[in-house]
Amino acid sequence: KKYGRAKRYVVVGVLAAPEGIDRIKETHPEVEMFV
């Protein structure tokens, strides 16, 4: 985010744990996630 503000932020992964999703959503709530 230091390199400019985008229209959308998306995380693409294979697997996620609920703990990790919670952590990301706490600090970057606008981020979408596709796993």
All heavy atoms as atom14 arrays in JSON, in Angstrom:
{
  "sequence": "KKYGRAKRYVVVGVLAAPEGIDRIKETHPEVEMFV",
  "atom14_mask": [
    [1, 1, 1, 1, 1, 1, 1, 1, 1, 0, 0, 0, 0, 0],
    [1, 1, 1, 1, 1, 1, 1, 1, 1, 0, 0, 0, 0, 0],
    [1, 1, 1, 1, 1, 1, 1, 1, 1, 1, 1, 1, 0, 0],
    [1, 1, 1, 1, 0, 0, 0, 0, 0, 0, 0, 0, 0, 0],
    [1, 1, 1, 1, 1, 1, 1, 1, 1, 1, 1, 0, 0, 0],
    [1, 1, 1, 1, 1, 0, 0, 0, 0, 0, 0, 0, 0, 0],
    [1, 1, 1, 1, 1, 1, 1, 1, 1, 0, 0, 0, 0, 0],
    [1, 1, 1, 1, 1, 1, 1, 1, 1, 1, 1, 0, 0, 0],
    [1, 1, 1, 1, 1, 1, 1, 1, 1, 1, 1, 1, 0, 0],
    [1, 1, 1, 1, 1, 1, 1, 0, 0, 0, 0, 0, 0, 0],
    [1, 1, 1, 1, 1, 1, 1, 0, 0, 0, 0, 0, 0, 0],
    [1, 1, 1, 1, 1, 1, 1, 0, 0, 0, 0, 0, 0, 0],
    [1, 1, 1, 1, 0, 0, 0, 0, 0, 0, 0, 0, 0, 0],
    [1, 1, 1, 1, 1, 1, 1, 0, 0, 0, 0, 0, 0, 0],
    [1, 1, 1, 1, 1, 1, 1, 1, 0, 0, 0, 0, 0, 0],
    [1, 1, 1, 1, 1, 0, 0, 0, 0, 0, 0, 0, 0, 0],
    [1, 1, 1, 1, 1, 0, 0, 0, 0, 0, 0, 0, 0, 0],
    [1, 1, 1, 1, 1, 1, 1, 0, 0, 0, 0, 0, 0, 0],
    [1, 1, 1, 1, 1, 1, 1, 1, 1, 0, 0, 0, 0, 0],
    [1, 1, 1, 1, 0, 0, 0, 0, 0, 0, 0, 0, 0, 0],
    [1, 1, 1, 1, 1, 1, 1, 1, 0, 0, 0, 0, 0, 0],
    [1, 1, 1, 1, 1, 1, 1, 1, 0, 0, 0, 0, 0, 0],
    [1, 1, 1, 1, 1, 1, 1, 1, 1, 1, 1, 0, 0, 0],
    [1, 1, 1, 1, 1, 1, 1, 1, 0, 0, 0, 0, 0, 0],
    [1, 1, 1, 1, 1, 1, 1, 1, 1, 0, 0, 0, 0, 0],
    [1, 1, 1, 1, 1, 1, 1, 1, 1, 0, 0, 0, 0, 0],
    [1, 1, 1, 1, 1, 1, 1, 0, 0, 0, 0, 0, 0, 0],
    [1, 1, 1, 1, 1, 1, 1, 1, 1, 1, 0, 0, 0, 0],
    [1, 1, 1, 1, 1, 1, 1, 0, 0, 0, 0, 0, 0, 0],
    [1, 1, 1, 1, 1, 1, 1, 1, 1, 0, 0, 0, 0, 0],
    [1, 1, 1, 1, 1, 1, 1, 0, 0, 0, 0, 0, 0, 0],
    [1, 1, 1, 1, 1, 1, 1, 1, 1, 0, 0, 0, 0, 0],
    [1, 1, 1, 1, 1, 1, 1, 1, 0, 0, 0, 0, 0, 0],
    [1, 1, 1, 1, 1, 1, 1, 1, 1, 1, 1, 0, 0, 0],
    [1, 1, 1, 1, 1, 1, 1, 0, 0, 0, 0, 0, 0, 0]
  ],
  "atom14_positions": [
    [[0.81, -1.22, 0.0], [0.0, 0.0, 0.0], [0.85, 1.28, 0.0], [0.33, 2.37, -0.26], [-0.96, -0.01, 1.19], [-2.11, -1.0, 1.01], [-3.09, -0.97, 2.17], [-4.25, -1.92, 1.94], [-5.22, -1.91, 3.05], [0.0, 0.0, 0.0], [0.0, 0.0, 0.0], [0.0, 0.0, 0.0], [0.0, 0.0, 0.0], [0.0, 0.0, 0.0]],
    [[2.14, 1.14, 0.25], [3.03, 2.3, 0.18], [3.27, 2.75, -1.27], [3.75, 3.86, -1.51], [4.37, 1.98, 0.83], [4.3, 1.67, 2.32], [5.66, 1.26, 2.85], [5.59, 0.89, 4.32], [6.92, 0.43, 4.84], [0.0, 0.0, 0.0], [0.0, 0.0, 0.0], [0.0, 0.0, 0.0], [0.0, 0.0, 0.0], [0.0, 0.0, 0.0]],
    [[2.94, 1.88, -2.23], [3.22, 2.16, -3.64], [2.02, 2.73, -4.37], [2.02, 2.81, -5.6], [3.72, 0.88, -4.32], [5.07, 0.45, -3.82], [5.19, -0.27, -2.63], [6.24, 0.76, -4.52], [6.42, -0.65, -2.15], [7.48, 0.37, -4.05], [7.57, -0.33, -2.86], [8.79, -0.72, -2.38], [0.0, 0.0, 0.0], [0.0, 0.0, 0.0]],
    [[0.99, 3.11, -3.62], [-0.2, 3.7, -4.23], [-1.46, 2.95, -3.81], [-1.4, 1.78, -3.44], [0.0, 0.0, 0.0], [0.0, 0.0, 0.0], [0.0, 0.0, 0.0], [0.0, 0.0, 0.0], [0.0, 0.0, 0.0], [0.0, 0.0, 0.0], [0.0, 0.0, 0.0], [0.0, 0.0, 0.0], [0.0, 0.0, 0.0], [0.0, 0.0, 0.0]],
    [[-2.58, 3.64, -3.87], [-3.86, 3.04, -3.48], [-4.57, 2.48, -4.7], [-4.69, 3.15, -5.73], [-4.75, 4.07, -2.8], [-4.16, 4.62, -1.52], [-4.0, 3.58, -0.44], [-5.26, 3.03, -0.01], [-5.41, 2.2, 1.02], [-4.35, 1.82, 1.71], [-6.59, 1.73, 1.35], [0.0, 0.0, 0.0], [0.0, 0.0, 0.0], [0.0, 0.0, 0.0]],
    [[-5.04, 1.24, -4.58], [-5.66, 0.54, -5.7], [-7.17, 0.54, -5.59], [-7.75, 0.83, -4.53], [-5.15, -0.91, -5.74], [0.0, 0.0, 0.0], [0.0, 0.0, 0.0], [0.0, 0.0, 0.0], [0.0, 0.0, 0.0], [0.0, 0.0, 0.0], [0.0, 0.0, 0.0], [0.0, 0.0, 0.0], [0.0, 0.0, 0.0], [0.0, 0.0, 0.0]],
    [[-7.82, 0.19, -6.7], [-9.27, 0.03, -6.75], [-9.71, -1.16, -5.89], [-10.7, -1.09, -5.17], [-9.68, -0.18, -8.2], [-11.16, -0.45, -8.43], [-11.42, -0.66, -9.92], [-12.87, -0.99, -10.2], [-13.13, -1.17, -11.66], [0.0, 0.0, 0.0], [0.0, 0.0, 0.0], [0.0, 0.0, 0.0], [0.0, 0.0, 0.0], [0.0, 0.0, 0.0]],
    [[-8.96, -2.27, -5.99], [-9.27, -3.49, -5.24], [-7.98, -4.14, -4.76], [-6.94, -4.06, -5.42], [-10.01, -4.52, -6.11], [-11.38, -4.18, -6.56], [-11.9, -5.24, -7.52], [-12.2, -6.52, -6.88], [-12.53, -7.62, -7.55], [-12.6, -7.6, -8.87], [-12.8, -8.74, -6.9], [0.0, 0.0, 0.0], [0.0, 0.0, 0.0], [0.0, 0.0, 0.0]],
    [[-8.08, -4.81, -3.62], [-7.0, -5.65, -3.12], [-7.56, -7.06, -2.95], [-8.58, -7.25, -2.28], [-6.46, -5.15, -1.78], [-5.73, -3.83, -1.9], [-6.41, -2.62, -1.72], [-4.38, -3.78, -2.2], [-5.76, -1.41, -1.85], [-3.71, -2.56, -2.32], [-4.41, -1.39, -2.14], [-3.76, -0.18, -2.27], [0.0, 0.0, 0.0], [0.0, 0.0, 0.0]],
    [[-6.89, -8.03, -3.58], [-7.37, -9.41, -3.59], [-6.23, -10.34, -3.2], [-5.12, -10.2, -3.71], [-7.89, -9.8, -5.0], [-8.33, -11.25, -5.03], [-9.03, -8.88, -5.43], [0.0, 0.0, 0.0], [0.0, 0.0, 0.0], [0.0, 0.0, 0.0], [0.0, 0.0, 0.0], [0.0, 0.0, 0.0], [0.0, 0.0, 0.0], [0.0, 0.0, 0.0]],
    [[-6.51, -11.27, -2.31], [-5.56, -12.33, -1.97], [-6.02, -13.61, -2.65], [-7.2, -13.99, -2.53], [-5.46, -12.54, -0.45], [-4.68, -13.81, -0.12], [-4.81, -11.33, 0.21], [0.0, 0.0, 0.0], [0.0, 0.0, 0.0], [0.0, 0.0, 0.0], [0.0, 0.0, 0.0], [0.0, 0.0, 0.0], [0.0, 0.0, 0.0], [0.0, 0.0, 0.0]],
    [[-5.12, -14.26, -3.37], [-5.42, -15.55, -4.0], [-4.5, -16.6, -3.39], [-3.28, -16.44, -3.39], [-5.22, -15.49, -5.53], [-5.36, -16.88, -6.14], [-6.23, -14.54, -6.17], [0.0, 0.0, 0.0], [0.0, 0.0, 0.0], [0.0, 0.0, 0.0], [0.0, 0.0, 0.0], [0.0, 0.0, 0.0], [0.0, 0.0, 0.0], [0.0, 0.0, 0.0]],
    [[-5.1, -17.66, -2.86], [-4.33, -18.72, -2.23], [-4.93, -20.08, -2.48], [-5.98, -20.21, -3.12], [0.0, 0.0, 0.0], [0.0, 0.0, 0.0], [0.0, 0.0, 0.0], [0.0, 0.0, 0.0], [0.0, 0.0, 0.0], [0.0, 0.0, 0.0], [0.0, 0.0, 0.0], [0.0, 0.0, 0.0], [0.0, 0.0, 0.0], [0.0, 0.0, 0.0]],
    [[-4.25, -21.09, -1.97], [-4.73, -22.47, -2.09], [-5.55, -22.84, -0.87], [-6.7, -23.27, -0.97], [-3.56, -23.46, -2.28], [-4.06, -24.9, -2.32], [-2.79, -23.12, -3.55], [0.0, 0.0, 0.0], [0.0, 0.0, 0.0], [0.0, 0.0, 0.0], [0.0, 0.0, 0.0], [0.0, 0.0, 0.0], [0.0, 0.0, 0.0], [0.0, 0.0, 0.0]],
    [[-4.97, -22.67, 0.31], [-5.65, -22.99, 1.56], [-5.57, -21.81, 2.52], [-4.6, -21.06, 2.53], [-5.01, -24.22, 2.22], [-5.16, -25.57, 1.53], [-4.4, -26.63, 2.31], [-6.63, -25.95, 1.4], [0.0, 0.0, 0.0], [0.0, 0.0, 0.0], [0.0, 0.0, 0.0], [0.0, 0.0, 0.0], [0.0, 0.0, 0.0], [0.0, 0.0, 0.0]],
    [[-6.6, -21.69, 3.34], [-6.61, -20.68, 4.4], [-7.11, -21.3, 5.69], [-7.93, -22.22, 5.67], [-7.49, -19.49, 4.02], [0.0, 0.0, 0.0], [0.0, 0.0, 0.0], [0.0, 0.0, 0.0], [0.0, 0.0, 0.0], [0.0, 0.0, 0.0], [0.0, 0.0, 0.0], [0.0, 0.0, 0.0], [0.0, 0.0, 0.0], [0.0, 0.0, 0.0]],
    [[-6.58, -20.81, 6.79], [-7.09, -21.17, 8.11], [-7.94, -20.02, 8.62], [-7.65, -18.85, 8.33], [-5.93, -21.44, 9.07], [0.0, 0.0, 0.0], [0.0, 0.0, 0.0], [0.0, 0.0, 0.0], [0.0, 0.0, 0.0], [0.0, 0.0, 0.0], [0.0, 0.0, 0.0], [0.0, 0.0, 0.0], [0.0, 0.0, 0.0], [0.0, 0.0, 0.0]],
    [[-8.99, -20.31, 9.39], [-9.83, -19.22, 9.92], [-9.03, -18.17, 10.68], [-9.33, -16.98, 10.6], [-10.82, -19.96, 10.83], [-10.9, -21.34, 10.25], [-9.52, -21.64, 9.76], [0.0, 0.0, 0.0], [0.0, 0.0, 0.0], [0.0, 0.0, 0.0], [0.0, 0.0, 0.0], [0.0, 0.0, 0.0], [0.0, 0.0, 0.0], [0.0, 0.0, 0.0]],
    [[-8.0, -18.61, 11.42], [-7.19, -17.67, 12.19], [-6.51, -16.64, 11.28], [-6.42, -15.45, 11.61], [-6.12, -18.42, 13.0], [-6.69, -19.37, 14.04], [-6.85, -20.8, 13.53], [-7.15, -20.98, 12.34], [-6.69, -21.73, 14.35], [0.0, 0.0, 0.0], [0.0, 0.0, 0.0], [0.0, 0.0, 0.0], [0.0, 0.0, 0.0], [0.0, 0.0, 0.0]],
    [[-6.02, -17.11, 10.13], [-5.34, -16.2, 9.2], [-6.3, -15.22, 8.56], [-5.98, -14.04, 8.37], [0.0, 0.0, 0.0], [0.0, 0.0, 0.0], [0.0, 0.0, 0.0], [0.0, 0.0, 0.0], [0.0, 0.0, 0.0], [0.0, 0.0, 0.0], [0.0, 0.0, 0.0], [0.0, 0.0, 0.0], [0.0, 0.0, 0.0], [0.0, 0.0, 0.0]],
    [[-7.49, -15.71, 8.2], [-8.49, -14.82, 7.61], [-8.89, -13.75, 8.62], [-8.99, -12.56, 8.28], [-9.72, -15.62, 7.15], [-9.33, -16.63, 6.06], [-10.81, -14.68, 6.62], [-10.44, -17.57, 5.66], [0.0, 0.0, 0.0], [0.0, 0.0, 0.0], [0.0, 0.0, 0.0], [0.0, 0.0, 0.0], [0.0, 0.0, 0.0], [0.0, 0.0, 0.0]],
    [[-9.11, -14.15, 9.86], [-9.46, -13.18, 10.91], [-8.39, -12.1, 11.04], [-8.7, -10.91, 11.14], [-9.61, -13.9, 12.26], [-10.91, -14.68, 12.37], [-11.86, -14.38, 11.62], [-10.98, -15.59, 13.22], [0.0, 0.0, 0.0], [0.0, 0.0, 0.0], [0.0, 0.0, 0.0], [0.0, 0.0, 0.0], [0.0, 0.0, 0.0], [0.0, 0.0, 0.0]],
    [[-7.14, -12.53, 11.04], [-6.03, -11.58, 11.22], [-5.98, -10.56, 10.08], [-5.81, -9.36, 10.3], [-4.71, -12.36, 11.29], [-3.47, -11.5, 11.41], [-3.27, -10.99, 12.84], [-2.11, -10.14, 12.93], [-0.85, -10.58, 13.1], [-0.62, -11.89, 13.18], [0.15, -9.74, 13.2], [0.0, 0.0, 0.0], [0.0, 0.0, 0.0], [0.0, 0.0, 0.0]],
    [[-6.12, -11.04, 8.87], [-6.07, -10.13, 7.71], [-7.26, -9.18, 7.72], [-7.12, -7.98, 7.46], [-6.02, -10.95, 6.41], [-4.69, -11.71, 6.32], [-6.19, -10.03, 5.19], [-4.67, -12.8, 5.27], [0.0, 0.0, 0.0], [0.0, 0.0, 0.0], [0.0, 0.0, 0.0], [0.0, 0.0, 0.0], [0.0, 0.0, 0.0], [0.0, 0.0, 0.0]],
    [[-8.44, -9.7, 8.01], [-9.65, -8.87, 8.01], [-9.62, -7.82, 9.12], [-10.22, -6.74, 8.98], [-10.89, -9.76, 8.14], [-11.27, -10.47, 6.85], [-11.73, -9.47, 5.8], [-12.27, -10.11, 4.56], [-12.74, -9.11, 3.58], [0.0, 0.0, 0.0], [0.0, 0.0, 0.0], [0.0, 0.0, 0.0], [0.0, 0.0, 0.0], [0.0, 0.0, 0.0]],
    [[-8.94, -8.1, 10.21], [-8.84, -7.13, 11.3], [-8.05, -5.9, 10.88], [-8.36, -4.78, 11.27], [-8.16, -7.78, 12.51], [-9.05, -8.73, 13.29], [-8.29, -9.51, 14.34], [-7.07, -9.23, 14.51], [-8.87, -10.4, 14.97], [0.0, 0.0, 0.0], [0.0, 0.0, 0.0], [0.0, 0.0, 0.0], [0.0, 0.0, 0.0], [0.0, 0.0, 0.0]],
    [[-6.99, -6.12, 10.09], [-6.1, -5.02, 9.73], [-6.36, -4.46, 8.33], [-6.06, -3.31, 8.06], [-4.63, -5.47, 9.83], [-4.47, -6.67, 9.07], [-4.25, -5.75, 11.27], [0.0, 0.0, 0.0], [0.0, 0.0, 0.0], [0.0, 0.0, 0.0], [0.0, 0.0, 0.0], [0.0, 0.0, 0.0], [0.0, 0.0, 0.0], [0.0, 0.0, 0.0]],
    [[-6.89, -5.3, 7.44], [-7.19, -4.88, 6.07], [-8.59, -5.37, 5.69], [-8.74, -6.29, 4.88], [-6.14, -5.43, 5.1], [-4.75, -4.95, 5.37], [-4.29, -3.71, 4.95], [-3.72, -5.53, 6.03], [-3.04, -3.56, 5.33], [-2.67, -4.65, 5.98], [0.0, 0.0, 0.0], [0.0, 0.0, 0.0], [0.0, 0.0, 0.0], [0.0, 0.0, 0.0]],
    [[-9.62, -4.79, 6.27], [-10.99, -5.32, 6.09], [-11.49, -5.27, 4.65], [-12.4, -6.03, 4.29], [-11.84, -4.42, 7.0], [-11.03, -3.17, 7.18], [-9.6, -3.61, 7.16], [0.0, 0.0, 0.0], [0.0, 0.0, 0.0], [0.0, 0.0, 0.0], [0.0, 0.0, 0.0], [0.0, 0.0, 0.0], [0.0, 0.0, 0.0], [0.0, 0.0, 0.0]],
    [[-10.93, -4.4, 3.82], [-11.41, -4.27, 2.45], [-10.87, -5.36, 1.52], [-11.34, -5.52, 0.39], [-11.03, -2.9, 1.88], [-9.6, -2.76, 1.38], [-8.55, -2.63, 2.47], [-8.87, -2.81, 3.66], [-7.4, -2.34, 2.13], [0.0, 0.0, 0.0], [0.0, 0.0, 0.0], [0.0, 0.0, 0.0], [0.0, 0.0, 0.0], [0.0, 0.0, 0.0]],
    [[-9.9, -6.13, 1.99], [-9.26, -7.14, 1.14], [-10.21, -8.31, 0.89], [-10.81, -8.85, 1.82], [-7.96, -7.64, 1.79], [-7.41, -8.86, 1.05], [-6.91, -6.53, 1.8], [0.0, 0.0, 0.0], [0.0, 0.0, 0.0], [0.0, 0.0, 0.0], [0.0, 0.0, 0.0], [0.0, 0.0, 0.0], [0.0, 0.0, 0.0], [0.0, 0.0, 0.0]],
    [[-10.33, -8.68, -0.39], [-11.1, -9.87, -0.76], [-10.15, -11.08, -0.81], [-8.96, -10.91, -1.09], [-11.75, -9.68, -2.13], [-12.66, -8.46, -2.21], [-12.96, -8.1, -3.65], [-13.59, -8.91, -4.36], [-12.54, -7.01, -4.08], [0.0, 0.0, 0.0], [0.0, 0.0, 0.0], [0.0, 0.0, 0.0], [0.0, 0.0, 0.0], [0.0, 0.0, 0.0]],
    [[-10.7, -12.26, -0.56], [-9.87, -13.45, -0.53], [-10.53, -14.57, -1.33], [-11.72, -14.86, -1.14], [-9.62, -13.88, 0.91], [-9.02, -12.78, 1.77], [-8.78, -13.23, 3.5], [-7.41, -14.35, 3.33], [0.0, 0.0, 0.0], [0.0, 0.0, 0.0], [0.0, 0.0, 0.0], [0.0, 0.0, 0.0], [0.0, 0.0, 0.0], [0.0, 0.0, 0.0]],
    [[-9.74, -15.2, -2.2], [-10.2, -16.32, -3.02], [-9.24, -17.49, -2.8], [-8.05, -17.38, -3.11], [-10.21, -15.93, -4.5], [-11.21, -14.86, -4.86], [-10.93, -13.52, -4.61], [-12.43, -15.19, -5.43], [-11.84, -12.53, -4.94], [-13.35, -14.2, -5.76], [-13.06, -12.87, -5.51], [0.0, 0.0, 0.0], [0.0, 0.0, 0.0], [0.0, 0.0, 0.0]],
    [[-9.76, -18.58, -2.25], [-8.92, -19.75, -1.96], [-9.64, -21.02, -2.42], [-10.87, -21.05, -2.53], [-8.59, -19.87, -0.46], [-7.74, -18.7, -0.01], [-9.85, -19.96, 0.39], [0.0, 0.0, 0.0], [0.0, 0.0, 0.0], [0.0, 0.0, 0.0], [0.0, 0.0, 0.0], [0.0, 0.0, 0.0], [0.0, 0.0, 0.0], [0.0, 0.0, 0.0]]
  ]
}
